[in-house]
C-alpha atoms as a PDB file:
ATOM      1  CA  MET A   1       0.000   0.000   0.000  1.00  0.00           C
ATOM      2  CA  HIS A   2       2.839   2.387   0.827  1.00  0.00           C
ATOM      3  CA  LEU A   3       4.490   1.756  -2.549  1.00  0.00           C
ATOM      4  CA  MET A   4       1.238   2.502  -4.368  1.00  0.00           C
ATOM      5  CA  SER A   5       0.670   5.797  -2.512  1.00  0.00           C
ATOM      6  CA  ASN A   6       4.290   6.741  -3.158  1.00  0.00           C
ATOM      7  CA  ASN A   7       3.817   6.108  -6.901  1.00  0.00           C
ATOM      8  CA  ILE A   8       0.612   8.173  -6.933  1.00  0.00           C
ATOM      9  CA  PHE A   9       2.424  11.017  -5.161  1.00  0.00           C
ATOM     10  CA  LYS A  10       5.256  10.883  -7.705  1.00  0.00           C
ATOM     11  CA  LEU A  11       2.771  10.881 -10.593  1.00  0.00           C
ATOM     12  CA  PHE A  12       0.947  13.868  -9.067  1.00  0.00           C
ATOM     13  CA  ARG A  13       4.172  15.768  -8.464  1.00  0.00           C
ATOM     14  CA  LYS A  14       5.439  15.002 -11.962  1.00  0.00           C
ATOM     15  CA  ASN A  15       2.204  16.205 -13.615  1.00  0.00           C
ATOM     16  CA  PHE A  16       1.332  19.043 -11.238  1.00  0.00           C
ATOM     17  CA  GLU A  17       1.244  21.739 -13.925  1.00  0.00           C
ATOM     18  CA  LEU A  18      -1.087  19.697 -16.119  1.00  0.00           C
ATOM     19  CA  LEU A  19      -3.434  18.988 -13.213  1.00  0.00           C
ATOM     20  CA  PHE A  20      -3.299  22.647 -12.169  1.00  0.00           C
ATOM     21  CA  TRP A  21      -4.352  23.945 -15.617  1.00  0.00           C
ATOM     22  CA  ILE A  22      -7.101  21.354 -16.054  1.00  0.00           C
ATOM     23  CA  GLY A  23      -8.396  22.050 -12.545  1.00  0.00           C
ATOM     24  CA  SER A  24      -8.288  25.801 -13.065  1.00  0.00           C
ATOM     25  CA  LEU A  25     -10.213  25.663 -16.335  1.00  0.00           C
ATOM     26  CA  THR A  26     -12.739  23.283 -14.767  1.00  0.00           C
ATOM     27  CA  PHE A  27     -13.226  25.675 -11.849  1.00  0.00           C
ATOM     28  CA  LEU A  28     -13.633  28.663 -14.175  1.00  0.00           C
ATOM     29  CA  GLY A  29     -16.077  26.734 -16.337  1.00  0.00           C
ATOM     30  CA  ILE A  30     -18.396  25.579 -13.558  1.00  0.00           C
ATOM     31  CA  THR A  31     -18.492  28.754 -11.460  1.00  0.00           C
ATOM     32  CA  ALA A  32     -20.775  31.598 -12.428  1.00  0.00           C
ATOM     33  CA  SER A  33     -18.262  34.440 -12.641  1.00  0.00           C
ATOM     34  CA  ALA A  34     -20.738  37.310 -12.342  1.00  0.00           C
ATOM     35  CA  GLU A  35     -22.593  35.770  -9.382  1.00  0.00           C
ATOM     36  CA  CYS A  36     -19.581  34.610  -7.387  1.00  0.00           C
ATOM     37  CA  HIS A  37     -19.738  35.915  -3.818  1.00  0.00           C
ATOM     38  CA  TYR A  38     -16.404  34.519  -2.704  1.00  0.00           C
ATOM     39  CA  SER A  39     -13.131  35.032  -4.500  1.00  0.00           C
ATOM     40  CA  PHE A  40      -9.703  33.438  -4.232  1.00  0.00           C
ATOM     41  CA  CYS A  41      -8.180  36.687  -5.521  1.00  0.00           C
ATOM     42  CA  LEU A  42      -5.576  38.027  -3.103  1.00  0.00           C
ATOM     43  CA  PHE A  43      -6.247  41.601  -4.240  1.00  0.00           C
ATOM     44  CA  LYS A  44      -9.971  41.352  -3.413  1.00  0.00           C
ATOM     45  CA  LEU A  45      -9.256  39.575  -0.136  1.00  0.00           C
ATOM     46  CA  ALA A  46      -6.940  42.473   0.753  1.00  0.00           C
ATOM     47  CA  GLY A  47      -9.759  44.949   0.003  1.00  0.00           C
ATOM     48  CA  LEU A  48      -8.285  46.408  -3.186  1.00  0.00           C
ATOM     49  CA  PRO A  49     -10.893  47.301  -5.828  1.00  0.00           C
ATOM     50  CA  TRP A  50      -8.814  46.390  -8.905  1.00  0.00           C
ATOM     51  CA  CYS A  51      -7.022  43.187  -9.872  1.00  0.00           C
ATOM     52  CA  PRO A  52      -5.018  42.621 -13.063  1.00  0.00           C
ATOM     53  CA  GLY A  53      -6.022  38.949 -13.348  1.00  0.00           C
ATOM     54  CA  CYS A  54      -9.724  38.904 -12.472  1.00  0.00           C
ATOM     55  CA  GLY A  55     -10.868  40.300 -15.816  1.00  0.00           C
ATOM     56  CA  ILE A  56      -9.039  37.619 -17.800  1.00  0.00           C
ATOM     57  CA  GLY A  57     -10.228  34.911 -15.410  1.00  0.00           C
ATOM     58  CA  HIS A  58     -13.833  36.021 -15.749  1.00  0.00           C
ATOM     59  CA  ALA A  59     -13.456  36.286 -19.531  1.00  0.00           C
ATOM     60  CA  ILE A  60     -12.117  32.706 -19.759  1.00  0.00           C
ATOM     61  CA  GLY A  61     -14.970  31.520 -17.538  1.00  0.00           C
ATOM     62  CA  PHE A  62     -17.528  33.231 -19.772  1.00  0.00           C
ATOM     63  CA  ILE A  63     -16.012  31.622 -22.889  1.00  0.00           C
ATOM     64  CA  LEU A  64     -16.201  28.181 -21.263  1.00  0.00           C
ATOM     65  CA  GLN A  65     -19.869  28.867 -20.447  1.00  0.00           C
ATOM     66  CA  GLY A  66     -20.595  29.952 -24.042  1.00  0.00           C
ATOM     67  CA  LYS A  67     -21.065  33.661 -23.253  1.00  0.00           C
ATOM     68  CA  PHE A  68     -18.703  35.008 -25.907  1.00  0.00           C
ATOM     69  CA  LEU A  69     -19.953  38.607 -26.062  1.00  0.00           C
ATOM     70  CA  LEU A  70     -19.839  38.969 -22.287  1.00  0.00           C
ATOM     71  CA  SER A  71     -16.332  37.517 -22.362  1.00  0.00           C
ATOM     72  CA  TRP A  72     -15.215  40.104 -24.923  1.00  0.00           C
ATOM     73  CA  GLN A  73     -16.759  42.901 -22.843  1.00  0.00           C
ATOM     74  CA  THR A  74     -15.032  41.651 -19.692  1.00  0.00           C
ATOM     75  CA  HIS A  75     -11.532  41.393 -21.197  1.00  0.00           C
ATOM     76  CA  TRP A  76     -10.524  41.073 -24.826  1.00  0.00           C
ATOM     77  CA  LEU A  77      -7.500  38.890 -23.982  1.00  0.00           C
ATOM     78  CA  GLY A  78      -9.647  36.115 -22.513  1.00  0.00           C
ATOM     79  CA  GLY A  79      -9.843  34.217 -25.802  1.00  0.00           C
ATOM     80  CA  PRO A  80      -6.124  34.351 -26.604  1.00  0.00           C
ATOM     81  CA  ALA A  81      -5.268  33.443 -23.001  1.00  0.00           C
ATOM     82  CA  LEU A  82      -7.559  30.406 -23.195  1.00  0.00           C
ATOM     83  CA  LEU A  83      -5.898  29.312 -26.447  1.00  0.00           C
ATOM     84  CA  VAL A  84      -2.450  29.598 -24.844  1.00  0.00           C
ATOM     85  CA  ILE A  85      -3.566  27.553 -21.824  1.00  0.00           C
ATOM     86  CA  LEU A  86      -5.191  24.892 -24.029  1.00  0.00           C
ATOM     87  CA  HIS A  87      -1.997  24.669 -26.090  1.00  0.00           C
ATOM     88  CA  ARG A  88       0.032  24.244 -22.916  1.00  0.00           C
ATOM     89  CA  ILE A  89      -2.287  21.445 -21.762  1.00  0.00           C
ATOM     90  CA  TYR A  90      -1.880  19.769 -25.161  1.00  0.00           C
ATOM     91  CA  VAL A  91       1.927  19.962 -24.931  1.00  0.00           C
ATOM     92  CA  LEU A  92       1.897  18.597 -21.383  1.00  0.00           C
ATOM     93  CA  LEU A  93      -0.375  15.727 -22.435  1.00  0.00           C
ATOM     94  CA  LEU A  94       2.094  14.819 -25.181  1.00  0.00           C
ATOM     95  CA  THR A  95       4.949  14.596 -22.693  1.00  0.00           C
ATOM     96  CA  ILE A  96       3.264  12.340 -20.126  1.00  0.00           C
ATOM     97  CA  LYS A  97       5.250   9.189 -19.570  1.00  0.00           C
ATOM     98  CA  PHE A  98       3.383   6.333 -17.946  1.00  0.00           C
ATOM     99  CA  GLN A  99       5.885   3.851 -16.674  1.00  0.00           C
ATOM    100  CA  SER A 100       5.223   0.924 -14.417  1.00  0.00           C
ATOM    101  CA  PRO A 101       8.095   0.070 -12.064  1.00  0.00           C
ATOM    102  CA  ASN A 102       7.979  -3.564 -13.240  1.00  0.00           C
ATOM    103  CA  HIS A 103       7.522  -2.990 -16.973  1.00  0.00           C
ATOM    104  CA  LYS A 104       9.934  -0.540 -18.517  1.00  0.00           C
ATOM    105  CA  VAL A 105       9.315   0.160 -22.157  1.00  0.00           C
ATOM    106  CA  GLN A 106      11.806   1.966 -24.330  1.00  0.00           C
ATOM    107  CA  ILE A 107      10.999   3.312 -27.742  1.00  0.00           C
ATOM    108  CA  ASN A 108      13.921   3.962 -30.030  1.00  0.00           C
ATOM    109  CA  ILE A 109      13.295   5.962 -33.164  1.00  0.00           C
ATOM    110  CA  LYS A 110      16.071   6.059 -35.727  1.00  0.00           C
ATOM    111  CA  TYR A 111      16.110   8.563 -38.505  1.00  0.00           C
ATOM    112  CA  SER A 112      17.890   7.653 -41.696  1.00  0.00           C
ATOM    113  CA  ASN A 113      18.995   9.880 -44.501  1.00  0.00           C
ATOM    114  CA  ILE A 114      16.710   9.416 -47.450  1.00  0.00           C
ATOM    115  CA  LYS A 115      18.431  10.189 -50.733  1.00  0.00           C
END
């Protein structure tokens, strides 16, 4: 049991960024940005009226909910930011290496000069 939990911890630690981005987009997609009464924003928790990241976060949330015009009105960089994050998730998914401790698989690709 200890070995299994250790492997899960290693897998989590190795793929933390991927899990963070997927979790963040899931959170933004399921929360109603305009009706949210509680915020994780440190600026709002400190009582400051303006935050540089809240507009983009709300805009991404609106895009994920299908409210494209409201997203554009909230922050015009929401769409490009979402595309960058989705690209990063795609790149991270391509680099995942699942490897069992008992079954090590190596893939060797050799390139030859074609004349």
